[in-house]
Amino acid sequence: MKRAVCLLSGGLDSTTCLALAHLDFECYALSFDYGQRHRFELESAAKVAAASGVVHRTLQFDLRQFGGSALTAAIDVPKHRSVTEMGNGIPVTYVPARNTIFLSFALAWAETLGAQDIFLGVNALDYSGYPDCRPEFVEAYTRMANLSTKAGVEGAHLTIHTPLIALSKAGIVQLGTRLGVDFGLTHSCYDPDATGRPCGACDSCLLRLKGFAEAGLKDPLVYP
């Protein structure tokens, strides 16, 4: 099987994306400990990778040195927002250039592995507030990647797959269920308590709960 690098946060979307990629590729999962306040997601990523039987690496660097986000600085995480409010502008949970940084590491690992495929579980339909989750960004990054690497210059075309980008959150839940994903292993909350329990009120929790409800399924996570 061909090799692929899959970005794995430990959340619902990236876990479903990994399961989908694993159908056709030998997957190498890549996670990031970047100083995020919701770093419980890294424990979930490790559990998901172990359950999937894939090679897993976690890279560490500290984006708290730059701040600028509710996930990396002393900025309150928004709570109890409506879907309309979530879709209005770029939220304070946006981490500056995060997917650009993540994809750069994925690109480096893919090139050393001889892999021409990278999987990214971004979703732009239910929640399009992040500029680095848009198809235009992925297309532009792919062009850059093929211009900037030895593999690309020598004709090994890189493809960045975003199979969830046009799915609703309910559609992702349904797809993951069909693929046998154990959503009980995943973590989505931006502001969990000291034990890792999700808050149930941040944008990520609300969208996750909305997705399960619209899919007619129960979220296995325990909320307050």
N, C-alpha and C. Protein backbone atom coordinates (compact mmCIF):
# COMPACT_ATOMS: atom_id res chain seq x y z
N MET A 1 0.83 -1.20 0.00
CA MET A 1 0.00 0.00 0.00
C MET A 1 0.87 1.25 0.00
N LYS A 2 0.36 2.31 -0.62
CA LYS A 2 1.05 3.59 -0.60
C LYS A 2 1.00 4.18 0.81
N ARG A 3 2.01 4.97 1.12
CA ARG A 3 2.06 5.61 2.42
C ARG A 3 1.38 6.97 2.39
N ALA A 4 0.83 7.37 3.54
CA ALA A 4 0.24 8.70 3.67
C ALA A 4 0.47 9.21 5.08
N VAL A 5 0.70 10.51 5.19
CA VAL A 5 0.78 11.16 6.49
C VAL A 5 -0.59 11.75 6.79
N CYS A 6 -1.10 11.48 7.98
CA CYS A 6 -2.42 11.96 8.39
C CYS A 6 -2.29 12.84 9.62
N LEU A 7 -2.74 14.06 9.54
CA LEU A 7 -2.74 14.93 10.71
C LEU A 7 -3.83 14.47 11.67
N LEU A 8 -3.45 14.24 12.92
CA LEU A 8 -4.37 13.67 13.90
C LEU A 8 -4.37 14.51 15.17
N SER A 9 -5.46 15.23 15.39
CA SER A 9 -5.57 16.03 16.60
C SER A 9 -6.16 15.23 17.76
N GLY A 10 -6.88 14.16 17.43
CA GLY A 10 -7.60 13.42 18.45
C GLY A 10 -9.08 13.78 18.48
N GLY A 11 -9.47 14.72 17.61
CA GLY A 11 -10.86 15.13 17.54
C GLY A 11 -11.69 14.27 16.61
N LEU A 12 -12.95 14.60 16.54
CA LEU A 12 -13.92 13.84 15.73
C LEU A 12 -13.54 13.84 14.25
N ASP A 13 -13.21 15.00 13.72
CA ASP A 13 -12.94 15.12 12.28
C ASP A 13 -11.66 14.38 11.88
N SER A 14 -10.56 14.65 12.58
CA SER A 14 -9.29 14.04 12.19
C SER A 14 -9.30 12.54 12.40
N THR A 15 -10.05 12.07 13.40
CA THR A 15 -10.15 10.62 13.63
C THR A 15 -10.91 9.94 12.51
N THR A 16 -11.99 10.57 12.06
CA THR A 16 -12.74 10.03 10.93
C THR A 16 -11.91 10.06 9.66
N CYS A 17 -11.15 11.14 9.47
CA CYS A 17 -10.28 11.27 8.30
C CYS A 17 -9.23 10.17 8.29
N LEU A 18 -8.63 9.88 9.45
CA LEU A 18 -7.64 8.81 9.54
C LEU A 18 -8.26 7.47 9.19
N ALA A 19 -9.45 7.21 9.70
CA ALA A 19 -10.11 5.93 9.41
C ALA A 19 -10.37 5.78 7.92
N LEU A 20 -10.75 6.87 7.27
CA LEU A 20 -11.01 6.83 5.84
C LEU A 20 -9.72 6.61 5.06
N ALA A 21 -8.67 7.30 5.43
CA ALA A 21 -7.38 7.15 4.75
C ALA A 21 -6.83 5.75 4.92
N HIS A 22 -7.08 5.17 6.08
CA HIS A 22 -6.52 3.86 6.42
C HIS A 22 -7.11 2.74 5.55
N LEU A 23 -8.19 3.02 4.86
CA LEU A 23 -8.79 2.03 3.96
C LEU A 23 -7.87 1.73 2.77
N ASP A 24 -7.14 2.76 2.33
CA ASP A 24 -6.36 2.64 1.09
C ASP A 24 -4.87 2.93 1.24
N PHE A 25 -4.46 3.39 2.43
CA PHE A 25 -3.07 3.79 2.60
C PHE A 25 -2.48 3.18 3.87
N GLU A 26 -1.16 3.04 3.87
CA GLU A 26 -0.43 2.76 5.09
C GLU A 26 -0.21 4.12 5.76
N CYS A 27 -0.88 4.34 6.88
CA CYS A 27 -0.94 5.68 7.46
C CYS A 27 0.09 5.92 8.55
N TYR A 28 0.60 7.14 8.55
CA TYR A 28 1.51 7.63 9.57
C TYR A 28 0.86 8.87 10.19
N ALA A 29 0.44 8.74 11.44
CA ALA A 29 -0.31 9.81 12.08
C ALA A 29 0.62 10.81 12.76
N LEU A 30 0.30 12.10 12.62
CA LEU A 30 1.14 13.16 13.15
C LEU A 30 0.30 14.12 13.99
N SER A 31 0.71 14.28 15.26
CA SER A 31 0.02 15.18 16.19
C SER A 31 0.99 16.25 16.66
N PHE A 32 0.43 17.30 17.29
CA PHE A 32 1.25 18.44 17.69
C PHE A 32 0.90 18.90 19.10
N ASP A 33 1.91 18.99 19.93
CA ASP A 33 1.80 19.59 21.26
C ASP A 33 2.37 20.99 21.14
N TYR A 34 1.48 21.95 20.92
CA TYR A 34 1.94 23.31 20.61
C TYR A 34 1.61 24.31 21.72
N GLY A 35 1.30 23.79 22.91
CA GLY A 35 0.95 24.66 24.03
C GLY A 35 -0.53 24.94 24.12
N GLN A 36 -1.34 24.16 23.43
CA GLN A 36 -2.79 24.37 23.43
C GLN A 36 -3.39 24.11 24.81
N ARG A 37 -4.37 24.91 25.16
CA ARG A 37 -5.02 24.76 26.46
C ARG A 37 -5.84 23.48 26.54
N HIS A 38 -6.20 22.94 25.41
CA HIS A 38 -7.01 21.71 25.38
C HIS A 38 -6.12 20.51 25.03
N ARG A 39 -4.96 20.43 25.66
CA ARG A 39 -3.98 19.40 25.28
C ARG A 39 -4.42 17.99 25.68
N PHE A 40 -5.59 17.87 26.34
CA PHE A 40 -6.15 16.53 26.55
C PHE A 40 -6.39 15.83 25.21
N GLU A 41 -6.49 16.62 24.15
CA GLU A 41 -6.70 16.02 22.83
C GLU A 41 -5.53 15.13 22.44
N LEU A 42 -4.34 15.39 22.98
CA LEU A 42 -3.18 14.57 22.64
C LEU A 42 -3.30 13.16 23.20
N GLU A 43 -3.91 13.02 24.37
CA GLU A 43 -4.16 11.69 24.93
C GLU A 43 -5.14 10.94 24.02
N SER A 44 -6.13 11.65 23.52
CA SER A 44 -7.08 11.03 22.60
C SER A 44 -6.40 10.62 21.30
N ALA A 45 -5.53 11.47 20.79
CA ALA A 45 -4.82 11.15 19.55
C ALA A 45 -4.01 9.87 19.72
N ALA A 46 -3.34 9.73 20.86
CA ALA A 46 -2.54 8.53 21.10
C ALA A 46 -3.42 7.29 21.17
N LYS A 47 -4.57 7.41 21.80
CA LYS A 47 -5.50 6.28 21.90
C LYS A 47 -6.06 5.91 20.53
N VAL A 48 -6.40 6.92 19.74
CA VAL A 48 -6.94 6.67 18.40
C VAL A 48 -5.89 5.98 17.53
N ALA A 49 -4.66 6.47 17.57
CA ALA A 49 -3.59 5.88 16.76
C ALA A 49 -3.33 4.44 17.18
N ALA A 50 -3.32 4.18 18.48
CA ALA A 50 -3.09 2.83 18.97
C ALA A 50 -4.22 1.89 18.53
N ALA A 51 -5.46 2.38 18.61
CA ALA A 51 -6.59 1.56 18.20
C ALA A 51 -6.58 1.29 16.70
N SER A 52 -6.02 2.23 15.95
CA SER A 52 -5.96 2.09 14.49
C SER A 52 -4.76 1.28 14.04
N GLY A 53 -3.79 1.10 14.92
CA GLY A 53 -2.60 0.33 14.57
C GLY A 53 -1.66 1.05 13.62
N VAL A 54 -1.60 2.38 13.72
CA VAL A 54 -0.75 3.15 12.82
C VAL A 54 0.46 3.72 13.58
N VAL A 55 1.51 4.01 12.85
CA VAL A 55 2.66 4.70 13.42
C VAL A 55 2.22 6.12 13.81
N HIS A 56 2.65 6.56 14.99
CA HIS A 56 2.18 7.86 15.49
C HIS A 56 3.35 8.65 16.06
N ARG A 57 3.46 9.91 15.66
CA ARG A 57 4.47 10.80 16.20
C ARG A 57 3.79 12.08 16.70
N THR A 58 4.31 12.61 17.82
CA THR A 58 3.83 13.89 18.33
C THR A 58 5.00 14.85 18.39
N LEU A 59 4.90 15.96 17.69
CA LEU A 59 5.95 16.98 17.69
C LEU A 59 5.60 18.07 18.69
N GLN A 60 6.61 18.61 19.34
CA GLN A 60 6.39 19.60 20.39
C GLN A 60 7.06 20.93 20.04
N PHE A 61 6.28 21.99 20.11
CA PHE A 61 6.78 23.35 19.99
C PHE A 61 5.76 24.24 20.70
N ASP A 62 6.10 25.48 20.96
CA ASP A 62 5.26 26.29 21.85
C ASP A 62 4.76 27.55 21.16
N LEU A 63 3.52 27.50 20.68
CA LEU A 63 2.93 28.68 20.05
C LEU A 63 2.42 29.68 21.08
N ARG A 64 2.51 29.34 22.36
CA ARG A 64 2.17 30.32 23.40
C ARG A 64 3.15 31.49 23.38
N GLN A 65 4.31 31.29 22.80
CA GLN A 65 5.29 32.37 22.68
C GLN A 65 4.76 33.51 21.81
N PHE A 66 3.84 33.17 20.89
CA PHE A 66 3.23 34.19 20.03
C PHE A 66 1.86 34.61 20.56
N GLY A 67 1.12 33.65 21.14
CA GLY A 67 -0.22 33.96 21.62
C GLY A 67 -1.17 34.25 20.48
N GLY A 68 -2.07 35.21 20.73
CA GLY A 68 -2.98 35.63 19.67
C GLY A 68 -4.19 34.76 19.47
N SER A 69 -4.40 33.79 20.36
CA SER A 69 -5.53 32.87 20.23
C SER A 69 -6.03 32.48 21.60
N ALA A 70 -7.33 32.21 21.70
CA ALA A 70 -7.89 31.74 22.97
C ALA A 70 -7.38 30.34 23.32
N LEU A 71 -6.76 29.66 22.36
CA LEU A 71 -6.23 28.32 22.63
C LEU A 71 -4.79 28.36 23.11
N THR A 72 -4.12 29.51 22.96
CA THR A 72 -2.70 29.60 23.33
C THR A 72 -2.38 30.81 24.20
N ALA A 73 -3.38 31.56 24.63
CA ALA A 73 -3.15 32.77 25.42
C ALA A 73 -4.28 32.93 26.44
N ALA A 74 -4.13 33.89 27.33
CA ALA A 74 -5.12 34.13 28.37
C ALA A 74 -6.31 34.92 27.81
N ILE A 75 -6.99 34.30 26.90
CA ILE A 75 -8.18 34.88 26.26
C ILE A 75 -9.33 33.90 26.49
N ASP A 76 -10.47 34.41 26.91
CA ASP A 76 -11.60 33.54 27.20
C ASP A 76 -12.09 32.82 25.95
N VAL A 77 -12.37 31.53 26.11
CA VAL A 77 -12.99 30.75 25.02
C VAL A 77 -14.47 31.11 24.96
N PRO A 78 -14.99 31.49 23.80
CA PRO A 78 -16.40 31.84 23.70
C PRO A 78 -17.30 30.65 24.06
N LYS A 79 -18.40 30.94 24.72
CA LYS A 79 -19.33 29.89 25.14
C LYS A 79 -20.76 30.25 24.72
N HIS A 80 -21.55 29.21 24.51
CA HIS A 80 -23.00 29.32 24.26
C HIS A 80 -23.32 30.19 23.04
N ARG A 81 -22.49 30.15 22.02
CA ARG A 81 -22.76 30.92 20.81
C ARG A 81 -23.69 30.15 19.88
N SER A 82 -24.48 30.88 19.12
CA SER A 82 -25.34 30.25 18.12
C SER A 82 -24.50 29.90 16.89
N VAL A 83 -25.04 29.04 16.03
CA VAL A 83 -24.34 28.67 14.81
C VAL A 83 -24.12 29.91 13.94
N THR A 84 -25.09 30.82 13.95
CA THR A 84 -24.95 32.07 13.18
C THR A 84 -23.79 32.90 13.70
N GLU A 85 -23.68 33.00 15.01
CA GLU A 85 -22.57 33.75 15.61
C GLU A 85 -21.23 33.09 15.29
N MET A 86 -21.20 31.76 15.32
CA MET A 86 -19.96 31.04 15.02
C MET A 86 -19.47 31.31 13.60
N GLY A 87 -20.41 31.45 12.69
CA GLY A 87 -20.05 31.64 11.28
C GLY A 87 -19.78 33.08 10.90
N ASN A 88 -19.83 33.99 11.88
CA ASN A 88 -19.68 35.41 11.60
C ASN A 88 -18.27 35.87 11.97
N GLY A 89 -17.39 35.92 10.98
CA GLY A 89 -16.03 36.37 11.22
C GLY A 89 -15.11 35.27 11.68
N ILE A 90 -13.85 35.63 11.92
CA ILE A 90 -12.84 34.67 12.35
C ILE A 90 -12.83 34.66 13.88
N PRO A 91 -13.04 33.52 14.51
CA PRO A 91 -13.17 33.46 15.97
C PRO A 91 -11.83 33.59 16.68
N VAL A 92 -11.90 33.91 17.98
CA VAL A 92 -10.67 34.07 18.76
C VAL A 92 -9.98 32.74 19.03
N THR A 93 -10.63 31.63 18.71
CA THR A 93 -9.99 30.31 18.84
C THR A 93 -9.12 29.98 17.63
N TYR A 94 -9.12 30.84 16.62
CA TYR A 94 -8.21 30.67 15.49
C TYR A 94 -6.77 30.84 15.98
N VAL A 95 -5.93 29.85 15.68
CA VAL A 95 -4.51 29.93 16.03
C VAL A 95 -3.75 30.40 14.79
N PRO A 96 -3.07 31.55 14.85
CA PRO A 96 -2.43 32.11 13.67
C PRO A 96 -1.54 31.11 12.92
N ALA A 97 -1.88 30.91 11.65
CA ALA A 97 -1.09 30.09 10.71
C ALA A 97 -0.96 28.62 11.13
N ARG A 98 -1.86 28.13 11.99
CA ARG A 98 -1.68 26.79 12.54
C ARG A 98 -1.62 25.71 11.47
N ASN A 99 -2.56 25.67 10.55
CA ASN A 99 -2.53 24.61 9.54
C ASN A 99 -1.36 24.75 8.57
N THR A 100 -0.91 25.98 8.35
CA THR A 100 0.29 26.18 7.53
C THR A 100 1.50 25.54 8.22
N ILE A 101 1.60 25.75 9.52
CA ILE A 101 2.70 25.16 10.30
C ILE A 101 2.58 23.64 10.32
N PHE A 102 1.38 23.14 10.62
CA PHE A 102 1.17 21.70 10.71
C PHE A 102 1.50 21.01 9.38
N LEU A 103 1.02 21.58 8.30
CA LEU A 103 1.25 20.97 6.99
C LEU A 103 2.73 20.99 6.61
N SER A 104 3.46 21.98 7.07
CA SER A 104 4.89 22.02 6.78
C SER A 104 5.61 20.83 7.40
N PHE A 105 5.26 20.51 8.65
CA PHE A 105 5.84 19.33 9.29
C PHE A 105 5.39 18.06 8.57
N ALA A 106 4.11 18.00 8.22
CA ALA A 106 3.59 16.82 7.52
C ALA A 106 4.29 16.63 6.18
N LEU A 107 4.53 17.73 5.50
CA LEU A 107 5.22 17.68 4.21
C LEU A 107 6.64 17.14 4.36
N ALA A 108 7.35 17.59 5.40
CA ALA A 108 8.71 17.12 5.64
C ALA A 108 8.73 15.62 5.92
N TRP A 109 7.78 15.16 6.75
CA TRP A 109 7.74 13.73 7.08
C TRP A 109 7.36 12.91 5.85
N ALA A 110 6.39 13.41 5.09
CA ALA A 110 5.96 12.70 3.89
C ALA A 110 7.12 12.52 2.92
N GLU A 111 7.92 13.56 2.76
CA GLU A 111 9.04 13.47 1.82
C GLU A 111 10.07 12.43 2.28
N THR A 112 10.34 12.38 3.58
CA THR A 112 11.31 11.38 4.06
C THR A 112 10.75 9.97 4.00
N LEU A 113 9.43 9.84 4.07
CA LEU A 113 8.79 8.52 3.99
C LEU A 113 8.59 8.05 2.55
N GLY A 114 8.78 8.96 1.60
CA GLY A 114 8.47 8.64 0.22
C GLY A 114 6.98 8.62 -0.03
N ALA A 115 6.24 9.36 0.80
CA ALA A 115 4.79 9.44 0.66
C ALA A 115 4.40 10.64 -0.20
N GLN A 116 3.40 10.46 -1.03
CA GLN A 116 2.92 11.54 -1.88
C GLN A 116 1.54 12.03 -1.48
N ASP A 117 1.07 11.56 -0.34
CA ASP A 117 -0.29 11.89 0.09
C ASP A 117 -0.30 12.34 1.54
N ILE A 118 -1.03 13.42 1.79
CA ILE A 118 -1.25 13.93 3.14
C ILE A 118 -2.75 14.08 3.33
N PHE A 119 -3.24 13.64 4.49
CA PHE A 119 -4.67 13.76 4.79
C PHE A 119 -4.88 14.78 5.90
N LEU A 120 -5.83 15.66 5.67
CA LEU A 120 -6.15 16.75 6.59
C LEU A 120 -7.66 16.78 6.81
N GLY A 121 -8.08 16.68 8.06
CA GLY A 121 -9.51 16.55 8.35
C GLY A 121 -10.24 17.86 8.51
N VAL A 122 -9.92 18.86 7.70
CA VAL A 122 -10.61 20.15 7.81
C VAL A 122 -12.03 20.05 7.28
N ASN A 123 -12.86 20.94 7.81
CA ASN A 123 -14.27 20.96 7.42
C ASN A 123 -14.70 22.42 7.27
N ALA A 124 -15.22 22.77 6.12
CA ALA A 124 -15.56 24.17 5.84
C ALA A 124 -17.05 24.42 5.70
N LEU A 125 -17.87 23.42 5.97
CA LEU A 125 -19.30 23.58 5.72
C LEU A 125 -20.04 24.04 6.97
N ASP A 126 -19.97 23.24 8.05
CA ASP A 126 -20.68 23.60 9.27
C ASP A 126 -20.05 24.79 9.98
N TYR A 127 -18.76 24.99 9.77
CA TYR A 127 -18.06 26.03 10.52
C TYR A 127 -16.90 26.54 9.68
N SER A 128 -17.13 27.65 8.98
CA SER A 128 -16.15 28.13 8.00
C SER A 128 -15.37 29.34 8.48
N GLY A 129 -15.27 29.53 9.80
CA GLY A 129 -14.62 30.72 10.32
C GLY A 129 -13.10 30.71 10.19
N TYR A 130 -12.49 29.55 10.04
CA TYR A 130 -11.03 29.48 10.00
C TYR A 130 -10.53 29.62 8.56
N PRO A 131 -9.68 30.62 8.28
CA PRO A 131 -9.21 30.81 6.90
C PRO A 131 -8.37 29.65 6.38
N ASP A 132 -7.70 28.92 7.30
CA ASP A 132 -6.83 27.82 6.85
C ASP A 132 -7.57 26.48 6.81
N CYS A 133 -8.90 26.55 6.73
CA CYS A 133 -9.70 25.34 6.51
C CYS A 133 -10.43 25.41 5.17
N ARG A 134 -10.15 26.42 4.38
CA ARG A 134 -10.85 26.62 3.11
C ARG A 134 -10.17 25.86 1.97
N PRO A 135 -10.96 25.43 0.98
CA PRO A 135 -10.38 24.76 -0.19
C PRO A 135 -9.30 25.59 -0.87
N GLU A 136 -9.49 26.92 -0.91
CA GLU A 136 -8.51 27.79 -1.56
C GLU A 136 -7.14 27.70 -0.89
N PHE A 137 -7.16 27.59 0.43
CA PHE A 137 -5.90 27.46 1.17
C PHE A 137 -5.21 26.15 0.82
N VAL A 138 -5.97 25.06 0.83
CA VAL A 138 -5.40 23.74 0.55
C VAL A 138 -4.83 23.68 -0.86
N GLU A 139 -5.56 24.25 -1.82
CA GLU A 139 -5.08 24.27 -3.20
C GLU A 139 -3.78 25.06 -3.32
N ALA A 140 -3.73 26.22 -2.67
CA ALA A 140 -2.52 27.05 -2.73
C ALA A 140 -1.35 26.37 -2.05
N TYR A 141 -1.60 25.71 -0.92
CA TYR A 141 -0.52 25.03 -0.21
C TYR A 141 0.01 23.86 -1.05
N THR A 142 -0.87 23.16 -1.71
CA THR A 142 -0.44 22.04 -2.55
C THR A 142 0.48 22.52 -3.67
N ARG A 143 0.13 23.64 -4.29
CA ARG A 143 1.00 24.20 -5.34
C ARG A 143 2.36 24.55 -4.77
N MET A 144 2.37 25.19 -3.62
CA MET A 144 3.63 25.56 -2.98
C MET A 144 4.46 24.32 -2.64
N ALA A 145 3.81 23.29 -2.11
CA ALA A 145 4.51 22.08 -1.69
C ALA A 145 5.20 21.40 -2.87
N ASN A 146 4.54 21.40 -4.00
CA ASN A 146 5.13 20.75 -5.17
C ASN A 146 6.23 21.58 -5.81
N LEU A 147 6.30 22.87 -5.46
CA LEU A 147 7.38 23.72 -5.95
C LEU A 147 8.58 23.74 -5.01
N SER A 148 8.35 23.39 -3.74
CA SER A 148 9.37 23.64 -2.72
C SER A 148 10.11 22.39 -2.26
N THR A 149 9.75 21.22 -2.77
CA THR A 149 10.36 19.99 -2.29
C THR A 149 11.14 19.28 -3.40
N LYS A 150 12.13 18.54 -2.98
CA LYS A 150 12.91 17.73 -3.91
C LYS A 150 11.99 16.75 -4.64
N ALA A 151 11.09 16.12 -3.87
CA ALA A 151 10.17 15.15 -4.47
C ALA A 151 9.30 15.80 -5.54
N GLY A 152 8.80 17.00 -5.23
CA GLY A 152 7.94 17.68 -6.19
C GLY A 152 8.68 18.09 -7.45
N VAL A 153 9.89 18.61 -7.28
CA VAL A 153 10.69 19.04 -8.43
C VAL A 153 11.06 17.86 -9.31
N GLU A 154 11.25 16.70 -8.69
CA GLU A 154 11.62 15.50 -9.45
C GLU A 154 10.41 14.74 -9.99
N GLY A 155 9.21 15.31 -9.82
CA GLY A 155 8.04 14.74 -10.46
C GLY A 155 7.13 13.90 -9.60
N ALA A 156 7.42 13.79 -8.30
CA ALA A 156 6.55 13.02 -7.41
C ALA A 156 5.48 13.97 -6.86
N HIS A 157 4.37 14.04 -7.54
CA HIS A 157 3.34 15.03 -7.21
C HIS A 157 2.69 14.73 -5.87
N LEU A 158 2.68 15.74 -5.00
CA LEU A 158 2.04 15.63 -3.69
C LEU A 158 0.57 15.99 -3.78
N THR A 159 -0.26 15.22 -3.09
CA THR A 159 -1.69 15.52 -3.00
C THR A 159 -2.08 15.68 -1.54
N ILE A 160 -2.78 16.77 -1.23
CA ILE A 160 -3.34 16.96 0.11
C ILE A 160 -4.82 16.63 0.03
N HIS A 161 -5.21 15.58 0.70
CA HIS A 161 -6.60 15.11 0.68
C HIS A 161 -7.39 15.75 1.81
N THR A 162 -8.56 16.27 1.48
CA THR A 162 -9.46 16.84 2.49
C THR A 162 -10.85 16.24 2.29
N PRO A 163 -11.02 14.94 2.58
CA PRO A 163 -12.26 14.25 2.23
C PRO A 163 -13.49 14.71 3.01
N LEU A 164 -13.29 15.47 4.09
CA LEU A 164 -14.43 15.90 4.91
C LEU A 164 -14.82 17.35 4.66
N ILE A 165 -14.13 18.02 3.76
CA ILE A 165 -14.23 19.47 3.69
C ILE A 165 -15.64 19.95 3.32
N ALA A 166 -16.40 19.17 2.59
CA ALA A 166 -17.74 19.59 2.18
C ALA A 166 -18.84 18.84 2.92
N LEU A 167 -18.48 18.11 3.98
CA LEU A 167 -19.48 17.38 4.75
C LEU A 167 -19.98 18.21 5.93
N SER A 168 -21.23 18.04 6.28
CA SER A 168 -21.73 18.62 7.52
C SER A 168 -21.17 17.82 8.69
N LYS A 169 -21.30 18.37 9.90
CA LYS A 169 -20.82 17.63 11.06
C LYS A 169 -21.61 16.33 11.23
N ALA A 170 -22.90 16.38 10.92
CA ALA A 170 -23.71 15.16 10.98
C ALA A 170 -23.22 14.13 9.97
N GLY A 171 -22.84 14.60 8.79
CA GLY A 171 -22.32 13.70 7.76
C GLY A 171 -21.02 13.06 8.19
N ILE A 172 -20.18 13.81 8.90
CA ILE A 172 -18.92 13.26 9.39
C ILE A 172 -19.19 12.20 10.46
N VAL A 173 -20.12 12.47 11.35
CA VAL A 173 -20.49 11.50 12.38
C VAL A 173 -21.01 10.22 11.73
N GLN A 174 -21.85 10.36 10.72
CA GLN A 174 -22.40 9.19 10.04
C GLN A 174 -21.31 8.41 9.31
N LEU A 175 -20.40 9.11 8.66
CA LEU A 175 -19.30 8.46 7.96
C LEU A 175 -18.42 7.71 8.96
N GLY A 176 -18.06 8.38 10.05
CA GLY A 176 -17.23 7.73 11.05
C GLY A 176 -17.89 6.50 11.64
N THR A 177 -19.18 6.57 11.84
CA THR A 177 -19.92 5.42 12.37
C THR A 177 -19.86 4.26 11.40
N ARG A 178 -20.02 4.53 10.11
CA ARG A 178 -19.94 3.47 9.10
C ARG A 178 -18.54 2.85 9.06
N LEU A 179 -17.53 3.66 9.36
CA LEU A 179 -16.15 3.18 9.32
C LEU A 179 -15.75 2.49 10.62
N GLY A 180 -16.64 2.47 11.59
CA GLY A 180 -16.35 1.81 12.86
C GLY A 180 -15.53 2.65 13.82
N VAL A 181 -15.53 3.98 13.67
CA VAL A 181 -14.77 4.85 14.56
C VAL A 181 -15.36 4.81 15.97
N ASP A 182 -14.50 4.68 16.96
CA ASP A 182 -14.91 4.75 18.36
C ASP A 182 -14.82 6.20 18.79
N PHE A 183 -15.93 6.93 18.72
CA PHE A 183 -15.92 8.34 19.06
C PHE A 183 -15.71 8.57 20.55
N GLY A 184 -15.83 7.52 21.34
CA GLY A 184 -15.55 7.63 22.76
C GLY A 184 -14.09 7.89 23.05
N LEU A 185 -13.22 7.62 22.08
CA LEU A 185 -11.79 7.88 22.24
C LEU A 185 -11.41 9.31 21.91
N THR A 186 -12.31 10.04 21.26
CA THR A 186 -11.98 11.36 20.73
C THR A 186 -12.21 12.47 21.75
N HIS A 187 -11.63 13.62 21.45
CA HIS A 187 -11.77 14.80 22.31
C HIS A 187 -11.91 16.03 21.41
N SER A 188 -12.93 16.85 21.66
CA SER A 188 -13.16 18.01 20.80
C SER A 188 -13.18 19.34 21.53
N CYS A 189 -13.29 19.33 22.84
CA CYS A 189 -13.53 20.55 23.62
C CYS A 189 -12.34 21.49 23.62
N TYR A 190 -12.63 22.80 23.49
CA TYR A 190 -11.60 23.84 23.54
C TYR A 190 -11.26 24.24 24.98
N ASP A 191 -12.13 23.93 25.92
CA ASP A 191 -11.93 24.41 27.30
C ASP A 191 -12.36 23.33 28.31
N PRO A 192 -11.70 22.18 28.30
CA PRO A 192 -12.08 21.09 29.21
C PRO A 192 -11.71 21.42 30.65
N ASP A 193 -12.34 20.70 31.60
CA ASP A 193 -11.97 20.91 33.01
C ASP A 193 -10.67 20.18 33.32
N ALA A 194 -10.27 20.20 34.57
CA ALA A 194 -8.97 19.65 34.96
C ALA A 194 -8.86 18.16 34.73
N THR A 195 -9.99 17.48 34.60
CA THR A 195 -9.98 16.04 34.36
C THR A 195 -10.10 15.71 32.88
N GLY A 196 -10.27 16.73 32.04
CA GLY A 196 -10.43 16.50 30.61
C GLY A 196 -11.87 16.40 30.17
N ARG A 197 -12.83 16.57 31.10
CA ARG A 197 -14.24 16.49 30.72
C ARG A 197 -14.62 17.70 29.88
N PRO A 198 -15.31 17.49 28.75
CA PRO A 198 -15.67 18.61 27.87
C PRO A 198 -16.66 19.56 28.54
N CYS A 199 -16.55 20.85 28.17
CA CYS A 199 -17.40 21.86 28.79
C CYS A 199 -18.84 21.82 28.30
N GLY A 200 -19.03 21.39 27.05
CA GLY A 200 -20.37 21.31 26.48
C GLY A 200 -20.91 22.65 26.00
N ALA A 201 -20.09 23.71 26.07
CA ALA A 201 -20.60 25.04 25.75
C ALA A 201 -19.75 25.82 24.75
N CYS A 202 -18.51 25.39 24.51
CA CYS A 202 -17.67 26.08 23.53
C CYS A 202 -18.15 25.75 22.11
N ASP A 203 -17.64 26.47 21.14
CA ASP A 203 -18.08 26.25 19.76
C ASP A 203 -17.87 24.81 19.33
N SER A 204 -16.71 24.25 19.67
CA SER A 204 -16.40 22.89 19.22
C SER A 204 -17.34 21.87 19.83
N CYS A 205 -17.64 22.01 21.13
CA CYS A 205 -18.58 21.10 21.79
C CYS A 205 -19.98 21.23 21.18
N LEU A 206 -20.43 22.46 20.99
CA LEU A 206 -21.78 22.68 20.47
C LEU A 206 -21.94 22.12 19.06
N LEU A 207 -20.92 22.30 18.23
CA LEU A 207 -21.00 21.77 16.87
C LEU A 207 -20.95 20.24 16.87
N ARG A 208 -20.15 19.69 17.76
CA ARG A 208 -20.08 18.23 17.88
C ARG A 208 -21.45 17.68 18.32
N LEU A 209 -22.03 18.28 19.35
CA LEU A 209 -23.33 17.82 19.84
C LEU A 209 -24.41 17.99 18.78
N LYS A 210 -24.36 19.09 18.04
CA LYS A 210 -25.30 19.33 16.94
C LYS A 210 -25.16 18.23 15.88
N GLY A 211 -23.92 17.86 15.57
CA GLY A 211 -23.69 16.82 14.57
C GLY A 211 -24.26 15.48 14.98
N PHE A 212 -24.03 15.10 16.22
CA PHE A 212 -24.58 13.82 16.70
C PHE A 212 -26.10 13.85 16.71
N ALA A 213 -26.67 14.98 17.16
CA ALA A 213 -28.14 15.09 17.22
C ALA A 213 -28.75 14.98 15.82
N GLU A 214 -28.16 15.68 14.85
CA GLU A 214 -28.69 15.66 13.49
C GLU A 214 -28.46 14.31 12.82
N ALA A 215 -27.45 13.57 13.28
CA ALA A 215 -27.20 12.23 12.74
C ALA A 215 -28.09 11.18 13.42
N GLY A 216 -28.82 11.61 14.44
CA GLY A 216 -29.69 10.68 15.17
C GLY A 216 -28.93 9.72 16.06
N LEU A 217 -27.76 10.15 16.53
CA LEU A 217 -26.91 9.29 17.35
C LEU A 217 -26.55 10.01 18.65
N LYS A 218 -26.12 9.23 19.64
CA LYS A 218 -25.75 9.80 20.93
C LYS A 218 -24.24 9.93 21.03
N ASP A 219 -23.79 11.10 21.42
CA ASP A 219 -22.37 11.31 21.64
C ASP A 219 -21.94 10.50 22.87
N PRO A 220 -20.92 9.65 22.74
CA PRO A 220 -20.51 8.84 23.87
C PRO A 220 -19.77 9.60 24.97
N LEU A 221 -19.38 10.85 24.72
CA LEU A 221 -18.68 11.62 25.75
C LEU A 221 -19.65 12.09 26.82
N VAL A 222 -19.14 12.32 28.04
CA VAL A 222 -19.96 12.78 29.15
C VAL A 222 -19.76 14.28 29.30
N TYR A 223 -20.89 15.00 29.33
CA TYR A 223 -20.86 16.46 29.45
C TYR A 223 -21.46 16.87 30.79
N PRO A 224 -21.15 18.09 31.26
CA PRO A 224 -21.71 18.57 32.54
C PRO A 224 -23.23 18.58 32.51
